[in-house]
Amino acid sequence: MRLVARRRRAVFVTAVAVTAVLGLTGCGAPPWAQGGGQAPVSASPTATMTTAPQPVRNDLSSGSTQRSLTAGSVAATVNYWSTLSMDRWTATALKPVNLSMETTVTPNDGQKVYLQRATMTAVPGNASQSFAALSPQSDQTDAPGYLVLSPYSYSQTFNVGEVPAEATFVTLQFTFEFLVQTTPTSNEFAKQTASDSLTVAIAGGGDAGTGG
């Protein structure tokens, strides 16, 4: 009787073991283990976004520019250009800025218009900061000044010196001070002032591109 009981227990244990093996076989392998595949990645890395540098404004990109300015009764037409090509407007170069001007006056009763003083101040900068301004340059003559009433005109050349290597542009600030006769025969004058500003790209400055 004891021998029979032991055989029955052995058979029962063997049946349980076979059932367990069949159960595992039925579950199968996980998808990433089939066909030599790899386990899935939990999350894909986020791509790093890069922003392309914005082109630097250049008011002389076409070679020249013309501005119309108003100072009280005086209307001035100013042309700006440079004899140095824009690709040579580097930080260390001496960069000439030429201008020519003529004016009209309203009402035109025969009084004259004179340019008493022209001043240019160059301020270098880049997208994140402005640097110290270069020393202002002025052209001034004895009173009442240069006759600029059309058909007479005024022309001058200013120079932009060395700017910091980090500068990508230079802002040229102009001030024009006029004296206008109060009457055609008067020795009394009214003063009028006009301002203008140009931005010119520095070639290779900060490795930035240039645009119009």
Protein backbone atom coordinates (compact mmCIF):
# COMPACT_ATOMS: atom_id res chain seq x y z
CA MET A 1 0.00 0.00 0.00
CA ARG A 2 2.79 2.41 0.78
CA LEU A 3 4.51 1.65 -2.54
CA VAL A 4 1.35 2.36 -4.52
CA ALA A 5 0.81 5.68 -2.73
CA ARG A 6 4.33 6.81 -3.52
CA ARG A 7 3.89 6.01 -7.22
CA ARG A 8 0.64 7.96 -7.35
CA ARG A 9 2.33 11.03 -5.82
CA ALA A 10 5.22 10.75 -8.31
CA VAL A 11 2.81 10.63 -11.23
CA PHE A 12 0.96 13.69 -9.89
CA VAL A 13 4.14 15.71 -9.53
CA THR A 14 5.23 14.82 -13.07
CA ALA A 15 1.85 15.91 -14.48
CA VAL A 16 2.06 19.28 -12.69
CA ALA A 17 5.56 19.87 -14.07
CA VAL A 18 4.46 19.09 -17.65
CA THR A 19 1.50 21.47 -17.30
CA ALA A 20 3.79 24.25 -16.14
CA VAL A 21 6.15 23.72 -19.10
CA LEU A 22 3.26 23.77 -21.56
CA GLY A 23 1.95 26.95 -19.96
CA LEU A 24 5.27 28.71 -20.46
CA THR A 25 5.53 27.50 -24.03
CA GLY A 26 2.09 28.90 -24.81
CA CYS A 27 3.03 32.39 -23.65
CA GLY A 28 5.72 32.67 -26.33
CA ALA A 29 8.70 35.02 -26.50
CA PRO A 30 8.22 38.83 -26.23
CA PRO A 31 8.03 40.67 -29.62
CA TRP A 32 11.50 42.28 -29.33
CA ALA A 33 13.08 38.78 -28.77
CA GLN A 34 11.68 37.34 -32.02
CA GLY A 35 13.74 37.46 -35.16
CA GLY A 36 16.81 38.89 -33.42
CA GLY A 37 15.08 42.25 -32.70
CA GLN A 38 15.97 44.64 -29.90
CA ALA A 39 13.91 45.87 -26.99
CA PRO A 40 11.91 49.03 -27.77
CA VAL A 41 13.33 52.39 -26.67
CA SER A 42 11.17 54.04 -24.04
CA ALA A 43 11.37 57.52 -25.61
CA SER A 44 13.09 59.05 -28.61
CA PRO A 45 15.57 61.85 -27.87
CA THR A 46 14.33 65.37 -28.53
CA ALA A 47 16.06 67.03 -31.48
CA THR A 48 17.96 70.22 -30.69
CA MET A 49 16.56 73.16 -32.63
CA THR A 50 19.07 75.62 -34.04
CA THR A 51 18.15 79.11 -35.20
CA ALA A 52 19.88 80.48 -38.30
CA PRO A 53 21.50 83.90 -37.78
CA GLN A 54 19.39 86.77 -39.04
CA PRO A 55 20.86 88.85 -41.88
CA VAL A 56 22.34 92.18 -40.78
CA ARG A 57 20.60 95.25 -42.15
CA ASN A 58 22.69 97.25 -44.61
CA ASP A 59 21.37 100.56 -45.97
CA LEU A 60 24.25 100.69 -48.47
CA SER A 61 23.86 97.12 -49.73
CA SER A 62 22.87 98.43 -53.19
CA GLY A 63 25.84 100.82 -53.25
CA SER A 64 23.97 103.99 -52.28
CA THR A 65 20.81 105.33 -50.70
CA GLN A 66 18.85 108.58 -50.82
CA ARG A 67 16.97 110.20 -47.97
CA SER A 68 14.51 113.09 -47.78
CA LEU A 69 14.78 115.15 -44.59
CA THR A 70 12.70 118.02 -43.25
CA ALA A 71 13.81 120.73 -40.84
CA GLY A 72 11.17 123.42 -40.38
CA SER A 73 10.82 125.24 -43.70
CA VAL A 74 13.84 123.40 -45.17
CA ALA A 75 13.55 120.20 -47.21
CA ALA A 76 16.85 118.44 -47.85
CA THR A 77 17.68 115.62 -50.25
CA VAL A 78 20.75 113.65 -49.16
CA ASN A 79 22.57 110.96 -51.11
CA TYR A 80 24.92 108.56 -49.31
CA TRP A 81 27.42 106.10 -50.79
CA SER A 82 30.85 104.61 -50.19
CA THR A 83 33.81 104.24 -52.53
CA LEU A 84 34.80 101.13 -50.55
CA SER A 85 32.90 98.00 -51.58
CA MET A 86 30.76 96.44 -48.87
CA ASP A 87 32.83 93.25 -48.75
CA ARG A 88 35.78 95.40 -47.63
CA TRP A 89 33.90 97.13 -44.81
CA THR A 90 35.81 95.11 -42.23
CA ALA A 91 36.30 95.94 -38.56
CA THR A 92 39.86 97.23 -39.05
CA ALA A 93 39.45 99.03 -42.39
CA LEU A 94 39.11 102.80 -42.82
CA LYS A 95 35.58 103.02 -44.21
CA PRO A 96 34.65 106.18 -46.17
CA VAL A 97 31.10 107.52 -46.23
CA ASN A 98 30.31 110.09 -48.91
CA LEU A 99 27.30 112.37 -48.97
CA SER A 100 25.87 115.10 -51.16
CA MET A 101 23.01 117.42 -50.31
CA GLU A 102 20.84 120.16 -51.70
CA THR A 103 17.81 121.90 -50.21
CA THR A 104 14.66 123.82 -50.99
CA VAL A 105 12.76 126.22 -48.74
CA THR A 106 9.04 126.84 -48.38
CA PRO A 107 7.81 129.47 -48.93
CA ASN A 108 10.55 130.47 -51.31
CA ASP A 109 10.66 134.26 -51.08
CA GLY A 110 14.25 134.51 -52.22
CA GLN A 111 15.93 133.81 -48.86
CA LYS A 112 19.00 131.57 -48.83
CA VAL A 113 19.66 128.35 -46.93
CA TYR A 114 23.09 127.59 -45.47
CA LEU A 115 24.51 124.47 -43.90
CA GLN A 116 26.29 125.65 -40.77
CA ARG A 117 27.48 122.22 -39.56
CA ALA A 118 27.35 118.55 -40.56
CA THR A 119 28.23 115.90 -37.97
CA MET A 120 28.57 112.12 -38.19
CA THR A 121 28.84 109.81 -35.16
CA ALA A 122 29.50 106.10 -35.72
CA VAL A 123 28.17 103.61 -33.14
CA PRO A 124 29.23 99.96 -33.66
CA GLY A 125 27.12 97.11 -32.35
CA ASN A 126 25.79 93.58 -32.79
CA ALA A 127 22.54 91.77 -32.08
CA SER A 128 23.10 91.74 -28.32
CA GLN A 129 24.90 94.99 -27.51
CA SER A 130 26.10 98.42 -28.57
CA PHE A 131 29.72 99.45 -28.20
CA ALA A 132 31.19 102.84 -27.36
CA ALA A 133 30.64 105.44 -30.07
CA LEU A 134 33.59 106.56 -32.14
CA SER A 135 34.64 110.20 -31.87
CA PRO A 136 32.17 112.46 -33.73
CA GLN A 137 33.35 114.07 -36.98
CA SER A 138 32.13 117.52 -37.95
CA ASP A 139 32.42 119.87 -40.87
CA GLN A 140 31.78 123.49 -39.96
CA THR A 141 32.66 126.76 -41.58
CA ASP A 142 32.34 130.44 -40.79
CA ALA A 143 28.82 131.83 -40.44
CA PRO A 144 26.44 131.68 -42.09
CA GLY A 145 27.81 128.43 -43.59
CA TYR A 146 27.77 126.62 -46.90
CA LEU A 147 25.13 127.68 -49.40
CA VAL A 148 23.01 124.57 -50.04
CA LEU A 149 19.88 126.01 -51.65
CA SER A 150 19.28 124.33 -55.03
CA PRO A 151 20.96 124.54 -57.53
CA TYR A 152 23.88 124.79 -55.07
CA SER A 153 24.85 121.64 -53.25
CA TYR A 154 27.13 120.39 -50.48
CA SER A 155 29.33 117.28 -50.51
CA GLN A 156 31.61 115.75 -47.91
CA THR A 157 33.39 112.53 -46.97
CA PHE A 158 33.49 111.18 -43.43
CA ASN A 159 35.45 108.11 -42.36
CA VAL A 160 34.52 105.27 -40.02
CA GLY A 161 37.61 104.00 -38.23
CA GLU A 162 38.31 100.68 -36.53
CA VAL A 163 35.44 99.04 -34.64
CA PRO A 164 35.43 96.07 -32.23
CA ALA A 165 35.91 92.66 -33.85
CA GLU A 166 32.58 91.53 -32.34
CA ALA A 167 30.65 94.28 -34.17
CA THR A 168 28.39 93.10 -37.00
CA PHE A 169 27.20 96.57 -38.01
CA VAL A 170 27.79 100.26 -37.44
CA THR A 171 25.05 102.87 -37.08
CA LEU A 172 25.92 106.22 -38.64
CA GLN A 173 24.11 109.10 -36.95
CA PHE A 174 24.04 112.35 -38.92
CA THR A 175 23.05 115.84 -37.76
CA PHE A 176 22.66 118.75 -40.18
CA GLU A 177 22.30 122.30 -38.82
CA PHE A 178 20.90 124.89 -41.21
CA LEU A 179 20.68 128.69 -41.09
CA VAL A 180 17.84 130.24 -43.10
CA GLN A 181 17.63 133.93 -43.89
CA THR A 182 14.56 135.50 -42.32
CA THR A 183 14.20 137.72 -45.41
CA PRO A 184 16.14 137.79 -48.70
CA THR A 185 18.17 140.81 -47.58
CA SER A 186 18.35 140.13 -43.85
CA ASN A 187 21.48 139.41 -41.84
CA GLU A 188 19.32 137.52 -39.34
CA PHE A 189 18.90 133.76 -39.58
CA ALA A 190 16.65 131.06 -38.24
CA LYS A 191 18.31 127.79 -37.22
CA GLN A 192 16.81 124.45 -38.28
CA THR A 193 18.21 120.98 -37.53
CA ALA A 194 17.67 117.66 -39.33
CA SER A 195 18.83 114.20 -38.24
CA ASP A 196 19.32 110.95 -40.11
CA SER A 197 20.66 107.46 -39.42
CA LEU A 198 22.15 104.70 -41.58
CA THR A 199 23.05 101.13 -40.65
CA VAL A 200 25.93 99.51 -42.51
CA ALA A 201 27.01 95.87 -42.06
CA ILE A 202 30.57 95.00 -41.06
CA ALA A 203 31.97 92.35 -43.41
CA GLY A 204 32.80 89.21 -41.48
CA GLY A 205 31.76 90.80 -38.20
CA GLY A 206 30.61 88.00 -35.88
CA ASP A 207 30.39 85.76 -38.99
CA ALA A 208 26.89 87.14 -39.60
CA GLY A 209 25.23 87.40 -43.01
CA THR A 210 24.27 90.70 -44.58
CA GLY A 211 21.02 91.84 -46.08
CA GLY A 212 19.34 94.85 -47.58
